[in-house]
Every structure is written in structure tokens, then in C-alpha cells.
Protein backbone atom coordinates (compact mmCIF):
# COMPACT_ATOMS: atom_id res chain seq x y z
CA UNK A 1 -122.63 14.48 36.12
CA UNK A 2 -119.56 16.07 37.69
CA UNK A 3 -118.27 19.42 36.35
CA UNK A 4 -115.28 17.62 34.85
CA UNK A 5 -116.43 14.16 33.83
CA UNK A 6 -113.93 11.36 33.43
CA UNK A 7 -113.26 10.91 29.72
CA UNK A 8 -111.26 8.58 27.51
CA UNK A 9 -110.05 8.69 23.92
CA UNK A 10 -110.99 5.63 21.83
CA UNK A 11 -109.64 5.74 18.27
CA UNK A 12 -106.51 5.05 16.27
CA UNK A 13 -103.76 6.89 18.12
CA UNK A 14 -102.27 8.23 14.89
CA UNK A 15 -105.30 10.52 14.43
CA UNK A 16 -105.29 12.13 17.87
CA UNK A 17 -102.87 14.98 17.17
CA UNK A 18 -104.74 15.97 13.99
CA UNK A 19 -108.14 15.91 15.65
CA UNK A 20 -106.99 17.64 18.82
CA UNK A 21 -103.98 19.90 18.33
CA UNK A 22 -102.55 21.66 21.39
CA UNK A 23 -105.09 24.51 21.62
CA UNK A 24 -107.98 22.03 21.56
CA UNK A 25 -106.30 19.82 24.15
CA UNK A 26 -105.98 22.82 26.45
CA UNK A 27 -109.67 23.53 26.01
CA UNK A 28 -110.48 19.85 26.59
CA UNK A 29 -108.60 19.94 29.90
CA UNK A 30 -111.00 22.61 31.16
CA UNK A 31 -114.00 20.44 30.30
CA UNK A 32 -113.01 16.89 31.24
CA UNK A 33 -110.67 14.84 33.37
CA UNK A 34 -108.75 12.98 30.66
CA UNK A 35 -105.31 11.44 30.23
CA UNK A 36 -104.27 12.78 26.83
CA UNK A 37 -101.45 10.23 26.63
CA UNK A 38 -103.86 7.29 26.80
CA UNK A 39 -105.72 6.31 23.63
CA UNK A 40 -107.77 3.11 23.51
CA UNK A 41 -107.27 1.42 20.16
CA UNK A 42 -108.82 -1.74 21.61
CA UNK A 43 -110.74 -2.21 24.83
CA UNK A 44 -108.72 -5.18 26.10
CA UNK A 45 -105.73 -2.87 26.59
CA UNK A 46 -104.49 -3.71 30.12
CA UNK A 47 -103.88 -0.02 30.84
CA UNK A 48 -107.58 0.73 30.68
CA UNK A 49 -109.90 1.07 33.62
CA UNK A 50 -113.35 1.80 32.21
CA UNK A 51 -115.12 1.67 35.55
CA UNK A 52 -115.00 5.46 36.05
CA UNK A 53 -115.30 6.55 32.43
CA UNK A 54 -118.30 8.78 31.81
CA UNK A 55 -117.53 10.04 28.30
CA UNK A 56 -115.86 8.33 25.37
CA UNK A 57 -114.33 10.61 22.76
CA UNK A 58 -114.16 8.35 19.75
CA UNK A 59 -112.76 8.60 16.25
CA UNK A 60 -111.71 6.54 13.26
CA UNK A 61 -110.80 3.02 14.34
CA UNK A 62 -112.80 2.96 17.57
CA UNK A 63 -113.72 -0.68 18.34
CA UNK A 64 -117.43 -1.62 18.62
CA UNK A 65 -119.06 -0.67 21.92
CA UNK A 66 -120.70 -4.03 22.56
CA UNK A 67 -122.39 -5.33 25.70
CA UNK A 68 -119.14 -6.71 27.11
CA UNK A 69 -117.40 -3.32 26.83
CA UNK A 70 -120.37 -1.48 28.33
CA UNK A 71 -120.48 -3.91 31.26
CA UNK A 72 -116.99 -2.73 32.15
CA UNK A 73 -118.09 0.92 31.92
CA UNK A 74 -121.11 1.22 34.25
CA UNK A 75 -120.85 5.03 34.44
CA UNK A 76 -120.58 5.62 30.71
CA UNK A 77 -123.20 8.14 29.59
CA UNK A 78 -122.02 9.65 26.35
CA UNK A 79 -120.15 8.83 23.14
CA UNK A 80 -118.87 11.88 21.27
CA UNK A 81 -117.58 10.82 17.87
CA UNK A 82 -114.94 12.99 16.21
CA UNK A 83 -115.78 11.66 12.74
CA UNK A 84 -118.84 11.09 10.58
CA UNK A 85 -120.71 7.81 10.74
CA UNK A 86 -121.09 5.99 14.07
CA UNK A 87 -122.36 2.79 12.47
CA UNK A 88 -119.10 0.90 13.00
CA UNK A 89 -118.97 1.47 16.76
CA UNK A 90 -122.49 1.95 18.12
CA UNK A 91 -124.23 -1.35 18.84
CA UNK A 92 -127.74 -2.21 20.09
CA UNK A 93 -126.29 -2.36 23.61
CA UNK A 94 -125.60 1.39 23.41
CA UNK A 95 -129.25 2.18 22.73
CA UNK A 96 -130.37 -0.24 25.44
CA UNK A 97 -128.13 1.63 27.90
CA UNK A 98 -129.63 4.93 26.73
CA UNK A 99 -126.26 6.45 25.87
CA UNK A 100 -126.10 9.92 24.43
CA UNK A 101 -124.39 9.67 21.04
CA UNK A 102 -123.09 12.57 18.99
CA UNK A 103 -121.29 12.75 15.66
CA UNK A 104 -119.09 15.35 13.98
CA UNK A 105 -120.78 14.58 10.66
CA UNK A 106 -121.91 18.20 10.37
CA UNK A 107 -118.31 19.40 10.55
CA UNK A 108 -117.18 16.72 8.13
CA UNK A 109 -119.89 17.79 5.68
CA UNK A 110 -118.14 21.11 5.07
CA UNK A 111 -115.12 19.86 3.06
CA UNK A 112 -117.24 17.32 1.17
CA UNK A 113 -119.63 20.06 0.09
CA UNK A 114 -116.71 22.31 -0.85
CA UNK A 115 -115.16 19.54 -2.97
CA UNK A 116 -118.52 18.94 -4.62
CA UNK A 117 -119.13 22.58 -5.46
CA UNK A 118 -115.61 22.94 -6.85
CA UNK A 119 -116.20 19.86 -9.00
CA UNK A 120 -119.53 21.21 -10.25
CA UNK A 121 -117.99 24.54 -11.23
CA UNK A 122 -115.01 22.95 -12.96
CA UNK A 123 -117.19 20.37 -14.71
CA UNK A 124 -119.49 23.08 -15.98
CA UNK A 125 -116.48 24.86 -17.48
CA UNK A 126 -115.41 21.65 -19.20
CA UNK A 127 -112.12 21.71 -17.31
CA UNK A 128 -111.54 17.96 -17.17
CA UNK A 129 -112.16 17.25 -20.86
CA UNK A 130 -110.34 20.36 -22.06
CA UNK A 131 -107.36 19.60 -19.83
CA UNK A 132 -107.08 16.17 -21.42
CA UNK A 133 -107.32 17.70 -24.91
CA UNK A 134 -104.76 20.39 -24.12
CA UNK A 135 -102.35 17.80 -22.73
CA UNK A 136 -102.78 15.72 -25.88
CA UNK A 137 -102.64 18.48 -28.53
CA UNK A 138 -100.28 20.88 -26.67
CA UNK A 139 -101.87 23.88 -28.38
CA UNK A 140 -105.14 25.80 -28.70
CA UNK A 141 -106.60 28.75 -30.59
CA UNK A 142 -106.72 31.76 -28.28
CA UNK A 143 -109.89 33.31 -29.74
CA UNK A 144 -111.80 30.05 -30.06
CA UNK A 145 -115.05 30.04 -28.06
CA UNK A 146 -115.89 26.70 -26.46
CA UNK A 147 -119.61 26.46 -27.21
CA UNK A 148 -120.49 23.56 -24.93
CA UNK A 149 -119.18 24.92 -21.62
CA UNK A 150 -120.35 27.42 -19.04
CA UNK A 151 -122.23 27.50 -15.75
CA UNK A 152 -124.87 30.09 -16.60
CA UNK A 153 -128.25 28.39 -16.19
CA UNK A 154 -126.83 24.88 -16.12
CA UNK A 155 -129.09 22.33 -14.38
CA UNK A 156 -127.58 20.60 -11.35
CA UNK A 157 -129.42 17.62 -9.90
CA UNK A 158 -128.77 16.83 -6.22
CA UNK A 159 -129.60 13.31 -5.07
CA UNK A 160 -130.13 13.32 -1.32
CA UNK A 161 -130.92 16.18 1.06
CA UNK A 162 -128.39 14.93 3.58
CA UNK A 163 -126.24 17.28 5.64
CA UNK A 164 -123.86 17.41 2.71
CA UNK A 165 -126.63 17.71 0.12
CA UNK A 166 -128.15 20.66 1.98
CA UNK A 167 -124.73 22.28 2.38
CA UNK A 168 -124.14 21.91 -1.37
CA UNK A 169 -127.47 23.62 -2.03
CA UNK A 170 -126.48 26.45 0.32
CA UNK A 171 -123.06 26.92 -1.30
CA UNK A 172 -124.53 26.87 -4.81
CA UNK A 173 -127.11 29.56 -4.03
CA UNK A 174 -124.97 32.53 -5.21
CA UNK A 175 -124.47 30.94 -8.65
CA UNK A 176 -126.76 30.99 -11.70
CA UNK A 177 -127.61 27.30 -11.57
CA UNK A 178 -131.01 25.71 -11.98
CA UNK A 179 -131.17 23.30 -9.03
CA UNK A 180 -133.41 20.28 -8.63
CA UNK A 181 -133.47 17.74 -5.83
CA UNK A 182 -134.49 14.14 -5.33
CA UNK A 183 -135.09 12.98 -1.77
CA UNK A 184 -138.18 10.92 -0.90
CA UNK A 185 -138.00 11.81 2.80
CA UNK A 186 -136.81 15.42 3.13
CA UNK A 187 -138.16 18.68 1.72
CA UNK A 188 -135.86 21.64 1.18
CA UNK A 189 -137.69 24.97 0.85
CA UNK A 190 -136.95 26.88 -2.32
CA UNK A 191 -135.57 23.91 -4.26
CA UNK A 192 -137.64 22.12 -6.88
CA UNK A 193 -138.11 18.48 -5.86
CA UNK A 194 -138.56 15.90 -8.60
CA UNK A 195 -138.48 12.17 -9.07
CA UNK A 196 -135.10 10.51 -9.52
CA UNK A 197 -135.93 9.71 -13.12
CA UNK A 198 -136.88 13.31 -13.92
CA UNK A 199 -133.76 14.61 -12.20
CA UNK A 200 -131.56 12.32 -14.30
CA UNK A 201 -133.30 13.27 -17.55
CA UNK A 202 -132.99 17.02 -17.08
CA UNK A 203 -129.64 17.48 -15.29
CA UNK A 204 -126.36 18.53 -16.88
CA UNK A 205 -124.55 17.60 -13.68
CA UNK A 206 -125.74 15.08 -11.07
CA UNK A 207 -124.17 14.94 -7.62
CA UNK A 208 -124.87 12.10 -5.18
CA UNK A 209 -125.40 12.67 -1.44
CA UNK A 210 -127.59 9.74 -0.41
CA UNK A 211 -126.68 7.25 2.36
CA UNK A 212 -125.58 3.70 1.68
CA UNK A 213 -128.60 1.52 2.50
CA UNK A 214 -130.27 -1.54 0.99
CA UNK A 215 -132.68 0.84 -0.73
CA UNK A 216 -129.95 2.94 -2.36
CA UNK A 217 -127.60 0.14 -3.45
CA UNK A 218 -127.02 0.54 -7.21
CA UNK A 219 -129.71 3.22 -7.38
CA UNK A 220 -127.90 4.32 -10.52
CA UNK A 221 -127.97 1.17 -12.64
CA UNK A 222 -127.91 0.62 -16.41
CA UNK A 223 -131.45 1.89 -16.90
CA UNK A 224 -131.08 5.03 -14.82
CA UNK A 225 -127.64 5.97 -16.13
CA UNK A 226 -129.11 5.73 -19.63
CA UNK A 227 -131.54 8.54 -18.69
CA UNK A 228 -128.73 11.08 -18.33
CA UNK A 229 -128.44 13.39 -21.33
CA UNK A 230 -125.41 13.26 -23.60
CA UNK A 231 -122.55 15.25 -22.09
CA UNK A 232 -123.82 14.93 -18.51
CA UNK A 233 -121.39 14.67 -15.60
CA UNK A 234 -121.90 12.38 -12.59
CA UNK A 235 -120.21 13.32 -9.30
CA UNK A 236 -120.05 10.83 -6.43
CA UNK A 237 -118.66 11.89 -3.06
CA UNK A 238 -121.13 9.77 -1.07
CA UNK A 239 -120.72 5.99 -1.24
CA UNK A 240 -119.51 3.82 -4.10
CA UNK A 241 -122.40 1.40 -3.69
CA UNK A 242 -124.87 4.01 -4.97
CA UNK A 243 -123.60 3.37 -8.51
CA UNK A 244 -123.38 0.11 -10.44
CA UNK A 245 -119.70 0.32 -11.37
CA UNK A 246 -119.92 -1.97 -14.40
CA UNK A 247 -122.91 -0.03 -15.73
CA UNK A 248 -121.05 3.24 -15.28
CA UNK A 249 -117.95 1.90 -17.04
CA UNK A 250 -120.11 0.80 -19.97
CA UNK A 251 -121.61 4.30 -20.27
CA UNK A 252 -118.23 6.01 -19.94
CA UNK A 253 -116.73 3.81 -22.64
CA UNK A 254 -119.24 5.23 -25.11
CA UNK A 255 -117.94 8.73 -24.35
CA UNK A 256 -121.50 9.89 -23.73
CA UNK A 257 -120.99 10.80 -20.05
CA UNK A 258 -118.22 11.90 -17.70
CA UNK A 259 -117.73 11.07 -14.03
CA UNK A 260 -115.93 12.62 -11.07
CA UNK A 261 -115.54 9.87 -8.48
CA UNK A 262 -114.11 10.30 -5.00
CA UNK A 263 -115.70 7.00 -3.92
CA UNK A 264 -116.11 3.75 -5.84
CA UNK A 265 -117.25 0.16 -5.53
CA UNK A 266 -114.99 -1.58 -4.65
CA UNK A 267 -112.76 0.80 -2.76
CA UNK A 268 -109.95 1.04 -3.56
CA UNK A 269 -110.43 -0.04 -7.15
CA UNK A 270 -108.40 -2.98 -8.46
CA UNK A 271 -105.30 -1.78 -10.33
CA UNK A 272 -106.69 -3.07 -13.63
CA UNK A 273 -109.99 -1.19 -13.37
CA UNK A 274 -110.90 0.47 -16.69
CA UNK A 275 -111.81 3.61 -14.73
CA UNK A 276 -108.12 4.44 -14.38
CA UNK A 277 -107.66 4.61 -18.15
CA UNK A 278 -110.87 6.28 -19.26
CA UNK A 279 -110.22 9.94 -20.12
CA UNK A 280 -113.74 10.91 -19.04
CA UNK A 281 -113.34 9.46 -15.53
CA UNK A 282 -111.67 11.75 -12.97
CA UNK A 283 -110.73 9.80 -9.84
CA UNK A 284 -109.60 10.98 -6.42
CA UNK A 285 -108.70 8.69 -3.48
CA UNK A 286 -111.59 9.36 -1.06
CA UNK A 287 -110.30 12.82 -0.13
CA UNK A 288 -113.51 14.87 -0.17
CA UNK A 289 -114.02 14.41 3.56
CA UNK A 290 -111.83 15.92 6.26
CA UNK A 291 -108.07 15.74 5.67
CA UNK A 292 -105.08 17.77 6.80
CA UNK A 293 -106.04 21.02 8.46
CA UNK A 294 -109.74 20.20 8.08
CA UNK A 295 -109.58 17.34 10.61
CA UNK A 296 -109.33 19.60 13.67
CA UNK A 297 -112.74 21.08 12.77
CA UNK A 298 -114.24 17.75 13.88
CA UNK A 299 -112.27 17.84 17.13
CA UNK A 300 -113.58 21.33 17.83
CA UNK A 301 -117.11 20.15 17.11
CA UNK A 302 -116.73 17.38 19.69
CA UNK A 303 -115.54 19.85 22.31
CA UNK A 304 -118.56 22.02 21.59
CA UNK A 305 -120.74 18.98 22.27
CA UNK A 306 -118.79 18.14 25.43
CA UNK A 307 -119.29 21.69 26.68
CA UNK A 308 -123.05 21.35 26.15
CA UNK A 309 -123.11 17.99 27.89
CA UNK A 310 -121.18 19.28 30.91
CA UNK A 311 -123.58 22.23 31.13
CA UNK A 312 -126.58 19.90 31.05
CA UNK A 313 -127.71 21.19 27.64
CA UNK A 314 -129.04 19.06 24.77
CA UNK A 315 -126.49 17.89 22.23
CA UNK A 316 -126.57 19.86 18.99
CA UNK A 317 -125.62 16.89 16.81
CA UNK A 318 -127.06 13.93 18.62
CA UNK A 319 -127.58 10.64 16.79
CA UNK A 320 -130.53 8.36 17.51
CA UNK A 321 -131.18 4.74 16.65
CA UNK A 322 -133.64 5.79 13.95
CA UNK A 323 -131.05 8.08 12.37
CA UNK A 324 -128.80 5.12 11.53
CA UNK A 325 -131.29 3.85 8.96
CA UNK A 326 -131.03 7.00 6.85
CA UNK A 327 -127.54 8.38 7.31
CA UNK A 328 -124.21 7.39 5.83
């Protein structure tokens, strides 16, 4: 590969400036021959000549890289994705070509883990329920001790030792939590691993970090949600399909549980969803992942990968065909 390989952006153009602000574009110019004014939102754009393209720098909205696209890009060797999952763009033709594929999922895991840890800490302090009560009653007794709140020794159950799950474990390590983990495929040293059922029975707070697969669809159904102890909090920043929405609504209506949901099924929720009106459901609009000034972290991660590729070094965050079966 040449010292400055021919590269092309393929993503929604609106995201380019956030992913690659001026300092990153200057760095990119030292690594690749790229027209920063040309962004492929679709590969039938008449301005495109893929015949010399060696590297695609992709992002949200990149069209699928099917056999027809690859036939027009005979020199294409690498796909560096400035976002998390590559499932929407990488096709079997990419693996048949032997393309190097990399994802910025590791960089995107940082804000999701931060959101999760903040939610755990606030949930343990009873912030969401007490906020609702304070708003309703408009007064409180200054010396009154809240007996049911606190994070000292609280049990947090982590479902899925994904990048984000492991980052959550790392960020929680300074706190006085009792951590347990369910993941049938990955061991994490120093963390007690239990069955999903045991995790649900013993956890005060459960946070989901498993991928969306056929195996994990509705992994939290009526029966498993019923295992959670009274007062437990469920946090979902992973995928809405992990939870049976109707089963969760039924549990929340009893007042027995609370939920912090950044993702739902469906997404977005219909305007008449009961989740909007339940005081023990705290909803955010899929914001745990990279937004605002966090987005450029993924662009920087892609440039790190490009630098390795140009130097002939292995990618640090390569994705393989087998990975797609167990990642988000």
C-alpha cells in the first residue's frame, strides 16, 4: 500500500464535521489522499470514481458494501468505521474479498459506560423516585433520613461482558458495590459470574450490555422480570429487543420495579406508550452513545487505525466475520 492511500468518506454528510473537526482533518491529510469535500451518501453518486479507492472511512448512513459496489472498487482493502456496529454496511462480499474492517465501537463505549455508571449512582441514591416526590409535594423534612437509599454495598448485576459491560465494571471499581456478571461466553477476572436467574434474584440494580441476537431477544420476559427483588432498578442502554416491553410495563405498573431506558422496543416509542406516563420509568432518547463533543473521539479512533494500517501494523479494533454474531 502506498504511504498515502487513496481514501473516501462514505456516510451521511451531516456527520462529517462532528466526526472530523479541523484538527483531525489536518491529521487525516498527512495519512491519506482524500477529498474532504466529497462524501458518498450513496454509491451511485456520479461524482464517485471508486476504481482507485483503497480505504473507505465510513460512518452512520453508509450504504451496504455489496458485491456490485466492491466490483467498482478493485483496490479497496480496508473499511474503517467511525461508529459502532458495522452490521448495516458489511456484507458477505466484504469477507470474501478479505477486507480489513475496523470499528470505533471501543471509543463509542466510553460515553455509554459513563451514562450507565451515572444512572447506577443516581438510582442507588433514589434520585428518580425522590425527584418525582419532591416535585409533587414541594416540600421535605430536612433531617429525615431516607432509609431505602444509598450505594454502600448495593448489588449491581451486569448482563453482558461486552466492551461497554467491561468498561462499566472498570468505572465501578472505585465504589463500594457488590458486582456480579452474567455472560455465557466471556470471563472477567475478579468479578463473580453467575447465572442470569441468580443475577436477577440478587441484584438491586441490573444493567444490560448484551448484543441484539436471536438468542438475546426478550431475554428479560415476564418470568425473568418477576425474579427481580422489590425496589430493583433495570437500566437498558444496549438494545430495546433485550426486554419484553409489555412485560416490563406490566411490572412497572405494579410499582414494584423502576427502569431507566435509553433504548426501547419499538424505537422510538409510540406517543401513547404507557412508559411515558409511568413515574417509575425514566426515559432518554437514545443518547447514551456518542453525541456532541463525544463524536470526534470516534473520528480520532479511526485515524489511529488508519495510521496503523499505513504503517503496516495490525488494526487495534479489527472486526471479523465471527465477531458479528456476538456484538451489537
